[in-house]
Amino acid sequence: MITVMTNTVIQHLRITGLVQGVGYRWHMARQARALGLTGWVRNRLDGSVEAQVCGHPDAVQALVDGVVVSPVDAAEVGHGFEQRETA
């Protein structure tokens, strides 16, 4: 069972633009870990990047400014932050 604290948000992100072939996933994963977030990030075949982040609202906002964000069910949250294969 996964416990999500009251002061935690879980968001699904889809990032478009120049985000593949420039180290975007590596940078996002590094920043997410530094902000204490959990989740994952991966390339999409359409050229976008997709991610799921979980953590304190201020930390999530610091990571996702300017990104399309949607809520995620707490049951889909993992542990740590991983870089996933292209989907």
PDB file of N, CA and C in Angstrom:
ATOM      1  N   MET A   1       0.832  -1.181   0.000  1.00  0.00           N
ATOM      2  CA  MET A   1       0.000   0.000   0.000  1.00  0.00           C
ATOM      3  C   MET A   1       0.879   1.247   0.000  1.00  0.00           C
ATOM      4  N   ILE A   2       0.485   2.245  -0.773  1.00  0.00           N
ATOM      5  CA  ILE A   2       1.239   3.491  -0.864  1.00  0.00           C
ATOM      6  C   ILE A   2       0.511   4.564  -0.072  1.00  0.00           C
ATOM      7  N   THR A   3       1.237   5.248   0.791  1.00  0.00           N
ATOM      8  CA  THR A   3       0.667   6.328   1.582  1.00  0.00           C
ATOM      9  C   THR A   3       1.115   7.653   0.992  1.00  0.00           C
ATOM     10  N   VAL A   4       0.154   8.542   0.733  1.00  0.00           N
ATOM     11  CA  VAL A   4       0.465   9.863   0.225  1.00  0.00           C
ATOM     12  C   VAL A   4       0.121  10.873   1.309  1.00  0.00           C
ATOM     13  N   MET A   5       1.098  11.685   1.700  1.00  0.00           N
ATOM     14  CA  MET A   5       0.870  12.653   2.755  1.00  0.00           C
ATOM     15  C   MET A   5      -0.073  13.757   2.286  1.00  0.00           C
ATOM     16  N   THR A   6      -0.731  14.416   3.230  1.00  0.00           N
ATOM     17  CA  THR A   6      -1.687  15.463   2.935  1.00  0.00           C
ATOM     18  C   THR A   6      -1.081  16.593   2.118  1.00  0.00           C
ATOM     19  N   ASN A   7       0.141  16.938   2.378  1.00  0.00           N
ATOM     20  CA  ASN A   7       0.792  18.055   1.707  1.00  0.00           C
ATOM     21  C   ASN A   7       1.549  17.605   0.465  1.00  0.00           C
ATOM     22  N   THR A   8       0.981  16.646  -0.263  1.00  0.00           N
ATOM     23  CA  THR A   8       1.618  16.073  -1.438  1.00  0.00           C
ATOM     24  C   THR A   8       0.677  16.162  -2.636  1.00  0.00           C
ATOM     25  N   VAL A   9       1.239  16.459  -3.798  1.00  0.00           N
ATOM     26  CA  VAL A   9       0.472  16.420  -5.037  1.00  0.00           C
ATOM     27  C   VAL A   9       1.121  15.415  -5.975  1.00  0.00           C
ATOM     28  N   ILE A  10       0.307  14.847  -6.850  1.00  0.00           N
ATOM     29  CA  ILE A  10       0.781  13.909  -7.865  1.00  0.00           C
ATOM     30  C   ILE A  10       0.288  14.438  -9.206  1.00  0.00           C
ATOM     31  N   GLN A  11       1.213  14.646 -10.131  1.00  0.00           N
ATOM     32  CA  GLN A  11       0.845  15.234 -11.414  1.00  0.00           C
ATOM     33  C   GLN A  11       1.431  14.431 -12.576  1.00  0.00           C
ATOM     34  N   HIS A  12       0.669  14.390 -13.668  1.00  0.00           N
ATOM     35  CA  HIS A  12       1.141  13.802 -14.924  1.00  0.00           C
ATOM     36  C   HIS A  12       1.516  14.967 -15.829  1.00  0.00           C
ATOM     37  N   LEU A  13       2.685  14.899 -16.466  1.00  0.00           N
ATOM     38  CA  LEU A  13       3.183  15.985 -17.294  1.00  0.00           C
ATOM     39  C   LEU A  13       3.396  15.510 -18.722  1.00  0.00           C
ATOM     40  N   ARG A  14       3.122  16.380 -19.683  1.00  0.00           N
ATOM     41  CA  ARG A  14       3.446  16.136 -21.097  1.00  0.00           C
ATOM     42  C   ARG A  14       4.142  17.381 -21.594  1.00  0.00           C
ATOM     43  N   ILE A  15       5.407  17.264 -21.978  1.00  0.00           N
ATOM     44  CA  ILE A  15       6.217  18.397 -22.371  1.00  0.00           C
ATOM     45  C   ILE A  15       6.512  18.291 -23.855  1.00  0.00           C
ATOM     46  N   THR A  16       6.247  19.376 -24.601  1.00  0.00           N
ATOM     47  CA  THR A  16       6.491  19.391 -26.043  1.00  0.00           C
ATOM     48  C   THR A  16       7.530  20.459 -26.366  1.00  0.00           C
ATOM     49  N   GLY A  17       8.006  20.424 -27.583  1.00  0.00           N
ATOM     50  CA  GLY A  17       9.026  21.381 -28.013  1.00  0.00           C
ATOM     51  C   GLY A  17      10.347  20.670 -28.178  1.00  0.00           C
ATOM     52  N   LEU A  18      11.436  21.377 -28.008  1.00  0.00           N
ATOM     53  CA  LEU A  18      12.770  20.800 -28.154  1.00  0.00           C
ATOM     54  C   LEU A  18      13.136  20.096 -26.856  1.00  0.00           C
ATOM     55  N   VAL A  19      12.653  18.853 -26.710  1.00  0.00           N
ATOM     56  CA  VAL A  19      12.854  18.120 -25.453  1.00  0.00           C
ATOM     57  C   VAL A  19      13.521  16.757 -25.639  1.00  0.00           C
ATOM     58  N   GLN A  20      13.736  16.331 -26.869  1.00  0.00           N
ATOM     59  CA  GLN A  20      14.426  15.065 -27.090  1.00  0.00           C
ATOM     60  C   GLN A  20      15.770  15.320 -27.753  1.00  0.00           C
ATOM     61  N   GLY A  21      16.772  14.546 -27.354  1.00  0.00           N
ATOM     62  CA  GLY A  21      18.104  14.686 -27.915  1.00  0.00           C
ATOM     63  C   GLY A  21      18.915  15.823 -27.304  1.00  0.00           C
ATOM     64  N   VAL A  22      18.413  16.389 -26.205  1.00  0.00           N
ATOM     65  CA  VAL A  22      19.102  17.516 -25.563  1.00  0.00           C
ATOM     66  C   VAL A  22      19.364  17.262 -24.077  1.00  0.00           C
ATOM     67  N   GLY A  23      19.182  16.022 -23.622  1.00  0.00           N
ATOM     68  CA  GLY A  23      19.416  15.698 -22.215  1.00  0.00           C
ATOM     69  C   GLY A  23      18.278  16.108 -21.297  1.00  0.00           C
ATOM     70  N   TYR A  24      17.096  16.312 -21.853  1.00  0.00           N
ATOM     71  CA  TYR A  24      15.965  16.796 -21.049  1.00  0.00           C
ATOM     72  C   TYR A  24      15.593  15.816 -19.939  1.00  0.00           C
ATOM     73  N   ARG A  25      15.461  14.527 -20.273  1.00  0.00           N
ATOM     74  CA  ARG A  25      15.080  13.534 -19.250  1.00  0.00           C
ATOM     75  C   ARG A  25      16.119  13.460 -18.144  1.00  0.00           C
ATOM     76  N   TRP A  26      17.386  13.450 -18.517  1.00  0.00           N
ATOM     77  CA  TRP A  26      18.456  13.403 -17.525  1.00  0.00           C
ATOM     78  C   TRP A  26      18.366  14.611 -16.600  1.00  0.00           C
ATOM     79  N   HIS A  27      18.205  15.790 -17.189  1.00  0.00           N
ATOM     80  CA  HIS A  27      18.122  17.015 -16.393  1.00  0.00           C
ATOM     81  C   HIS A  27      16.887  17.005 -15.494  1.00  0.00           C
ATOM     82  N   MET A  28      15.745  16.583 -16.044  1.00  0.00           N
ATOM     83  CA  MET A  28      14.522  16.554 -15.243  1.00  0.00           C
ATOM     84  C   MET A  28      14.662  15.581 -14.072  1.00  0.00           C
ATOM     85  N   ALA A  29      15.195  14.408 -14.319  1.00  0.00           N
ATOM     86  CA  ALA A  29      15.374  13.425 -13.248  1.00  0.00           C
ATOM     87  C   ALA A  29      16.314  13.971 -12.169  1.00  0.00           C
ATOM     88  N   ARG A  30      17.382  14.632 -12.588  1.00  0.00           N
ATOM     89  CA  ARG A  30      18.330  15.217 -11.628  1.00  0.00           C
ATOM     90  C   ARG A  30      17.646  16.300 -10.786  1.00  0.00           C
ATOM     91  N   GLN A  31      16.886  17.178 -11.435  1.00  0.00           N
ATOM     92  CA  GLN A  31      16.184  18.250 -10.725  1.00  0.00           C
ATOM     93  C   GLN A  31      15.119  17.679  -9.792  1.00  0.00           C
ATOM     94  N   ALA A  32      14.389  16.677 -10.263  1.00  0.00           N
ATOM     95  CA  ALA A  32      13.337  16.067  -9.444  1.00  0.00           C
ATOM     96  C   ALA A  32      13.931  15.460  -8.174  1.00  0.00           C
ATOM     97  N   ARG A  33      15.026  14.754  -8.321  1.00  0.00           N
ATOM     98  CA  ARG A  33      15.679  14.170  -7.145  1.00  0.00           C
ATOM     99  C   ARG A  33      16.150  15.265  -6.190  1.00  0.00           C
ATOM    100  N   ALA A  34      16.727  16.340  -6.729  1.00  0.00           N
ATOM    101  CA  ALA A  34      17.205  17.450  -5.896  1.00  0.00           C
ATOM    102  C   ALA A  34      16.049  18.126  -5.146  1.00  0.00           C
ATOM    103  N   LEU A  35      14.865  18.123  -5.736  1.00  0.00           N
ATOM    104  CA  LEU A  35      13.683  18.720  -5.114  1.00  0.00           C
ATOM    105  C   LEU A  35      12.958  17.745  -4.181  1.00  0.00           C
ATOM    106  N   GLY A  36      13.457  16.507  -4.091  1.00  0.00           N
ATOM    107  CA  GLY A  36      12.842  15.514  -3.211  1.00  0.00           C
ATOM    108  C   GLY A  36      11.580  14.893  -3.774  1.00  0.00           C
ATOM    109  N   LEU A  37      11.427  14.913  -5.095  1.00  0.00           N
ATOM    110  CA  LEU A  37      10.234  14.359  -5.738  1.00  0.00           C
ATOM    111  C   LEU A  37      10.438  12.884  -6.072  1.00  0.00           C
ATOM    112  N   THR A  38       9.342  12.169  -6.220  1.00  0.00           N
ATOM    113  CA  THR A  38       9.369  10.802  -6.726  1.00  0.00           C
ATOM    114  C   THR A  38       8.604  10.776  -8.042  1.00  0.00           C
ATOM    115  N   GLY A  39       8.801   9.724  -8.842  1.00  0.00           N
ATOM    116  CA  GLY A  39       8.080   9.601 -10.105  1.00  0.00           C
ATOM    117  C   GLY A  39       8.954   9.011 -11.189  1.00  0.00           C
ATOM    118  N   TRP A  40       8.702   9.430 -12.435  1.00  0.00           N
ATOM    119  CA  TRP A  40       9.443   8.927 -13.589  1.00  0.00           C
ATOM    120  C   TRP A  40       9.355   9.916 -14.743  1.00  0.00           C
ATOM    121  N   VAL A  41      10.239   9.725 -15.751  1.00  0.00           N
ATOM    122  CA  VAL A  41      10.240  10.545 -16.957  1.00  0.00           C
ATOM    123  C   VAL A  41      10.648   9.661 -18.133  1.00  0.00           C
ATOM    124  N   ARG A  42      10.026   9.886 -19.308  1.00  0.00           N
ATOM    125  CA  ARG A  42      10.379   9.109 -20.500  1.00  0.00           C
ATOM    126  C   ARG A  42      10.071   9.897 -21.774  1.00  0.00           C
ATOM    127  N   ASN A  43      10.778   9.540 -22.859  1.00  0.00           N
ATOM    128  CA  ASN A  43      10.468  10.077 -24.180  1.00  0.00           C
ATOM    129  C   ASN A  43       9.219   9.408 -24.715  1.00  0.00           C
ATOM    130  N   ARG A  44       8.504  10.120 -25.596  1.00  0.00           N
ATOM    131  CA  ARG A  44       7.363   9.561 -26.318  1.00  0.00           C
ATOM    132  C   ARG A  44       7.723   9.515 -27.801  1.00  0.00           C
ATOM    133  N   LEU A  45       7.129   8.584 -28.522  1.00  0.00           N
ATOM    134  CA  LEU A  45       7.417   8.438 -29.946  1.00  0.00           C
ATOM    135  C   LEU A  45       7.021   9.669 -30.751  1.00  0.00           C
ATOM    136  N   ASP A  46       6.090  10.488 -30.239  1.00  0.00           N
ATOM    137  CA  ASP A  46       5.658  11.695 -30.952  1.00  0.00           C
ATOM    138  C   ASP A  46       6.613  12.871 -30.767  1.00  0.00           C
ATOM    139  N   GLY A  47       7.738  12.664 -30.061  1.00  0.00           N
ATOM    140  CA  GLY A  47       8.719  13.713 -29.857  1.00  0.00           C
ATOM    141  C   GLY A  47       8.568  14.476 -28.555  1.00  0.00           C
ATOM    142  N   SER A  48       7.510  14.186 -27.802  1.00  0.00           N
ATOM    143  CA  SER A  48       7.311  14.847 -26.515  1.00  0.00           C
ATOM    144  C   SER A  48       7.993  14.043 -25.405  1.00  0.00           C
ATOM    145  N   VAL A  49       7.977  14.588 -24.209  1.00  0.00           N
ATOM    146  CA  VAL A  49       8.457  13.902 -23.019  1.00  0.00           C
ATOM    147  C   VAL A  49       7.278  13.807 -22.059  1.00  0.00           C
ATOM    148  N   GLU A  50       7.160  12.675 -21.390  1.00  0.00           N
ATOM    149  CA  GLU A  50       6.074  12.427 -20.444  1.00  0.00           C
ATOM    150  C   GLU A  50       6.687  12.137 -19.076  1.00  0.00           C
ATOM    151  N   ALA A  51       6.045  12.615 -18.028  1.00  0.00           N
ATOM    152  CA  ALA A  51       6.555  12.374 -16.682  1.00  0.00           C
ATOM    153  C   ALA A  51       5.406  12.312 -15.690  1.00  0.00           C
ATOM    154  N   GLN A  52       5.679  11.698 -14.559  1.00  0.00           N
ATOM    155  CA  GLN A  52       4.769  11.701 -13.417  1.00  0.00           C
ATOM    156  C   GLN A  52       5.601  12.117 -12.211  1.00  0.00           C
ATOM    157  N   VAL A  53       5.127  13.098 -11.469  1.00  0.00           N
ATOM    158  CA  VAL A  53       5.871  13.577 -10.305  1.00  0.00           C
ATOM    159  C   VAL A  53       4.970  13.612  -9.083  1.00  0.00           C
ATOM    160  N   CYS A  54       5.584  13.341  -7.933  1.00  0.00           N
ATOM    161  CA  CYS A  54       4.859  13.311  -6.673  1.00  0.00           C
ATOM    162  C   CYS A  54       5.724  13.999  -5.623  1.00  0.00           C
ATOM    163  N   GLY A  55       5.113  14.907  -4.872  1.00  0.00           N
ATOM    164  CA  GLY A  55       5.848  15.571  -3.808  1.00  0.00           C
ATOM    165  C   GLY A  55       5.143  16.804  -3.305  1.00  0.00           C
ATOM    166  N   HIS A  56       5.859  17.614  -2.547  1.00  0.00           N
ATOM    167  CA  HIS A  56       5.314  18.855  -1.997  1.00  0.00           C
ATOM    168  C   HIS A  56       4.905  19.775  -3.150  1.00  0.00           C
ATOM    169  N   PRO A  57       3.750  20.450  -3.039  1.00  0.00           N
ATOM    170  CA  PRO A  57       3.274  21.308  -4.129  1.00  0.00           C
ATOM    171  C   PRO A  57       4.295  22.342  -4.615  1.00  0.00           C
ATOM    172  N   ASP A  58       5.049  22.947  -3.717  1.00  0.00           N
ATOM    173  CA  ASP A  58       6.050  23.940  -4.127  1.00  0.00           C
ATOM    174  C   ASP A  58       7.166  23.305  -4.947  1.00  0.00           C
ATOM    175  N   ALA A  59       7.571  22.089  -4.582  1.00  0.00           N
ATOM    176  CA  ALA A  59       8.622  21.387  -5.316  1.00  0.00           C
ATOM    177  C   ALA A  59       8.131  20.984  -6.701  1.00  0.00           C
ATOM    178  N   VAL A  60       6.896  20.489  -6.780  1.00  0.00           N
ATOM    179  CA  VAL A  60       6.313  20.116  -8.082  1.00  0.00           C
ATOM    180  C   VAL A  60       6.236  21.354  -8.965  1.00  0.00           C
ATOM    181  N   GLN A  61       5.765  22.466  -8.427  1.00  0.00           N
ATOM    182  CA  GLN A  61       5.648  23.703  -9.201  1.00  0.00           C
ATOM    183  C   GLN A  61       7.012  24.171  -9.693  1.00  0.00           C
ATOM    184  N   ALA A  62       8.028  24.037  -8.863  1.00  0.00           N
ATOM    185  CA  ALA A  62       9.382  24.442  -9.259  1.00  0.00           C
ATOM    186  C   ALA A  62       9.875  23.620 -10.447  1.00  0.00           C
ATOM    187  N   LEU A  63       9.437  22.367 -10.536  1.00  0.00           N
ATOM    188  CA  LEU A  63       9.871  21.486 -11.620  1.00  0.00           C
ATOM    189  C   LEU A  63       9.059  21.697 -12.890  1.00  0.00           C
ATOM    190  N   VAL A  64       7.777  22.026 -12.777  1.00  0.00           N
ATOM    191  CA  VAL A  64       6.869  21.943 -13.926  1.00  0.00           C
ATOM    192  C   VAL A  64       6.361  23.272 -14.461  1.00  0.00           C
ATOM    193  N   ASP A  65       6.957  24.368 -14.101  1.00  0.00           N
ATOM    194  CA  ASP A  65       6.505  25.658 -14.608  1.00  0.00           C
ATOM    195  C   ASP A  65       6.475  25.657 -16.136  1.00  0.00           C
ATOM    196  N   GLY A  66       5.326  25.952 -16.726  1.00  0.00           N
ATOM    197  CA  GLY A  66       5.194  25.995 -18.172  1.00  0.00           C
ATOM    198  C   GLY A  66       4.898  24.650 -18.820  1.00  0.00           C
ATOM    199  N   VAL A  67       4.506  23.656 -18.054  1.00  0.00           N
ATOM    200  CA  VAL A  67       4.233  22.310 -18.557  1.00  0.00           C
ATOM    201  C   VAL A  67       2.754  21.991 -18.349  1.00  0.00           C
ATOM    202  N   VAL A  68       2.141  21.244 -19.288  1.00  0.00           N
ATOM    203  CA  VAL A  68       0.758  20.806 -19.123  1.00  0.00           C
ATOM    204  C   VAL A  68       0.726  19.731 -18.043  1.00  0.00           C
ATOM    205  N   VAL A  69      -0.109  19.936 -17.021  1.00  0.00           N
ATOM    206  CA  VAL A  69      -0.126  19.073 -15.843  1.00  0.00           C
ATOM    207  C   VAL A  69      -1.531  18.520 -15.635  1.00  0.00           C
ATOM    208  N   SER A  70      -1.623  17.252 -15.229  1.00  0.00           N
ATOM    209  CA  SER A  70      -2.912  16.654 -14.884  1.00  0.00           C
ATOM    210  C   SER A  70      -2.729  15.752 -13.668  1.00  0.00           C
ATOM    211  N   PRO A  71      -3.776  15.606 -12.840  1.00  0.00           N
ATOM    212  CA  PRO A  71      -3.654  14.798 -11.621  1.00  0.00           C
ATOM    213  C   PRO A  71      -3.492  13.309 -11.919  1.00  0.00           C
ATOM    214  N   VAL A  72      -2.911  12.589 -10.948  1.00  0.00           N
ATOM    215  CA  VAL A  72      -2.688  11.148 -11.053  1.00  0.00           C
ATOM    216  C   VAL A  72      -3.226  10.489  -9.796  1.00  0.00           C
ATOM    217  N   ASP A  73      -3.799   9.303  -9.923  1.00  0.00           N
ATOM    218  CA  ASP A  73      -4.282   8.537  -8.782  1.00  0.00           C
ATOM    219  C   ASP A  73      -3.100   8.069  -7.932  1.00  0.00           C
ATOM    220  N   ALA A  74      -3.228   8.170  -6.627  1.00  0.00           N
ATOM    221  CA  ALA A  74      -2.137   7.799  -5.709  1.00  0.00           C
ATOM    222  C   ALA A  74      -1.696   6.351  -5.876  1.00  0.00           C
ATOM    223  N   ALA A  75      -2.564   5.473  -6.344  1.00  0.00           N
ATOM    224  CA  ALA A  75      -2.221   4.062  -6.518  1.00  0.00           C
ATOM    225  C   ALA A  75      -1.155   3.858  -7.605  1.00  0.00           C
ATOM    226  N   GLU A  76      -0.943   4.872  -8.469  1.00  0.00           N
ATOM    227  CA  GLU A  76       0.025   4.763  -9.554  1.00  0.00           C
ATOM    228  C   GLU A  76       1.409   5.272  -9.186  1.00  0.00           C
ATOM    229  N   VAL A  77       1.598   5.696  -7.942  1.00  0.00           N
ATOM    230  CA  VAL A  77       2.865   6.289  -7.514  1.00  0.00           C
ATOM    231  C   VAL A  77       3.842   5.206  -7.094  1.00  0.00           C
ATOM    232  N   GLY A  78       5.089   5.326  -7.526  1.00  0.00           N
ATOM    233  CA  GLY A  78       6.144   4.388  -7.132  1.00  0.00           C
ATOM    234  C   GLY A  78       7.045   5.016  -6.095  1.00  0.00           C
ATOM    235  N   HIS A  79       8.253   4.499  -5.995  1.00  0.00           N
ATOM    236  CA  HIS A  79       9.239   5.006  -5.049  1.00  0.00           C
ATOM    237  C   HIS A  79      10.462   5.491  -5.819  1.00  0.00           C
ATOM    238  N   GLY A  80      11.113   6.547  -5.353  1.00  0.00           N
ATOM    239  CA  GLY A  80      12.270   7.081  -6.053  1.00  0.00           C
ATOM    240  C   GLY A  80      11.853   7.804  -7.317  1.00  0.00           C
ATOM    241  N   PHE A  81      12.811   8.113  -8.189  1.00  0.00           N
ATOM    242  CA  PHE A  81      12.519   8.758  -9.473  1.00  0.00           C
ATOM    243  C   PHE A  81      13.338   8.056 -10.535  1.00  0.00           C
ATOM    244  N   GLU A  82      12.651   7.522 -11.545  1.00  0.00           N
ATOM    245  CA  GLU A  82      13.330   6.732 -12.566  1.00  0.00           C
ATOM    246  C   GLU A  82      13.194   7.351 -13.944  1.00  0.00           C
ATOM    247  N   GLN A  83      14.155   7.052 -14.807  1.00  0.00           N
ATOM    248  CA  GLN A  83      14.108   7.457 -16.210  1.00  0.00           C
ATOM    249  C   GLN A  83      13.654   6.227 -16.986  1.00  0.00           C
ATOM    250  N   ARG A  84      12.494   6.316 -17.634  1.00  0.00           N
ATOM    251  CA  ARG A  84      11.910   5.159 -18.324  1.00  0.00           C
ATOM    252  C   ARG A  84      12.240   5.154 -19.799  1.00  0.00           C
ATOM    253  N   GLU A  85      12.015   3.997 -20.422  1.00  0.00           N
ATOM    254  CA  GLU A  85      12.209   3.821 -21.853  1.00  0.00           C
ATOM    255  C   GLU A  85      11.162   4.621 -22.620  1.00  0.00           C
ATOM    256  N   THR A  86      11.429   4.906 -23.893  1.00  0.00           N
ATOM    257  CA  THR A  86      10.497   5.604 -24.753  1.00  0.00           C
ATOM    258  C   THR A  86       9.218   4.786 -24.911  1.00  0.00           C
ATOM    259  N   ALA A  87       8.071   5.463 -24.883  1.00  0.00           N
ATOM    260  CA  ALA A  87       6.770   4.773 -25.033  1.00  0.00           C
ATOM    261  C   ALA A  87       6.175   5.060 -26.390  1.00  0.00           C
TER     262      ALA A  87
END
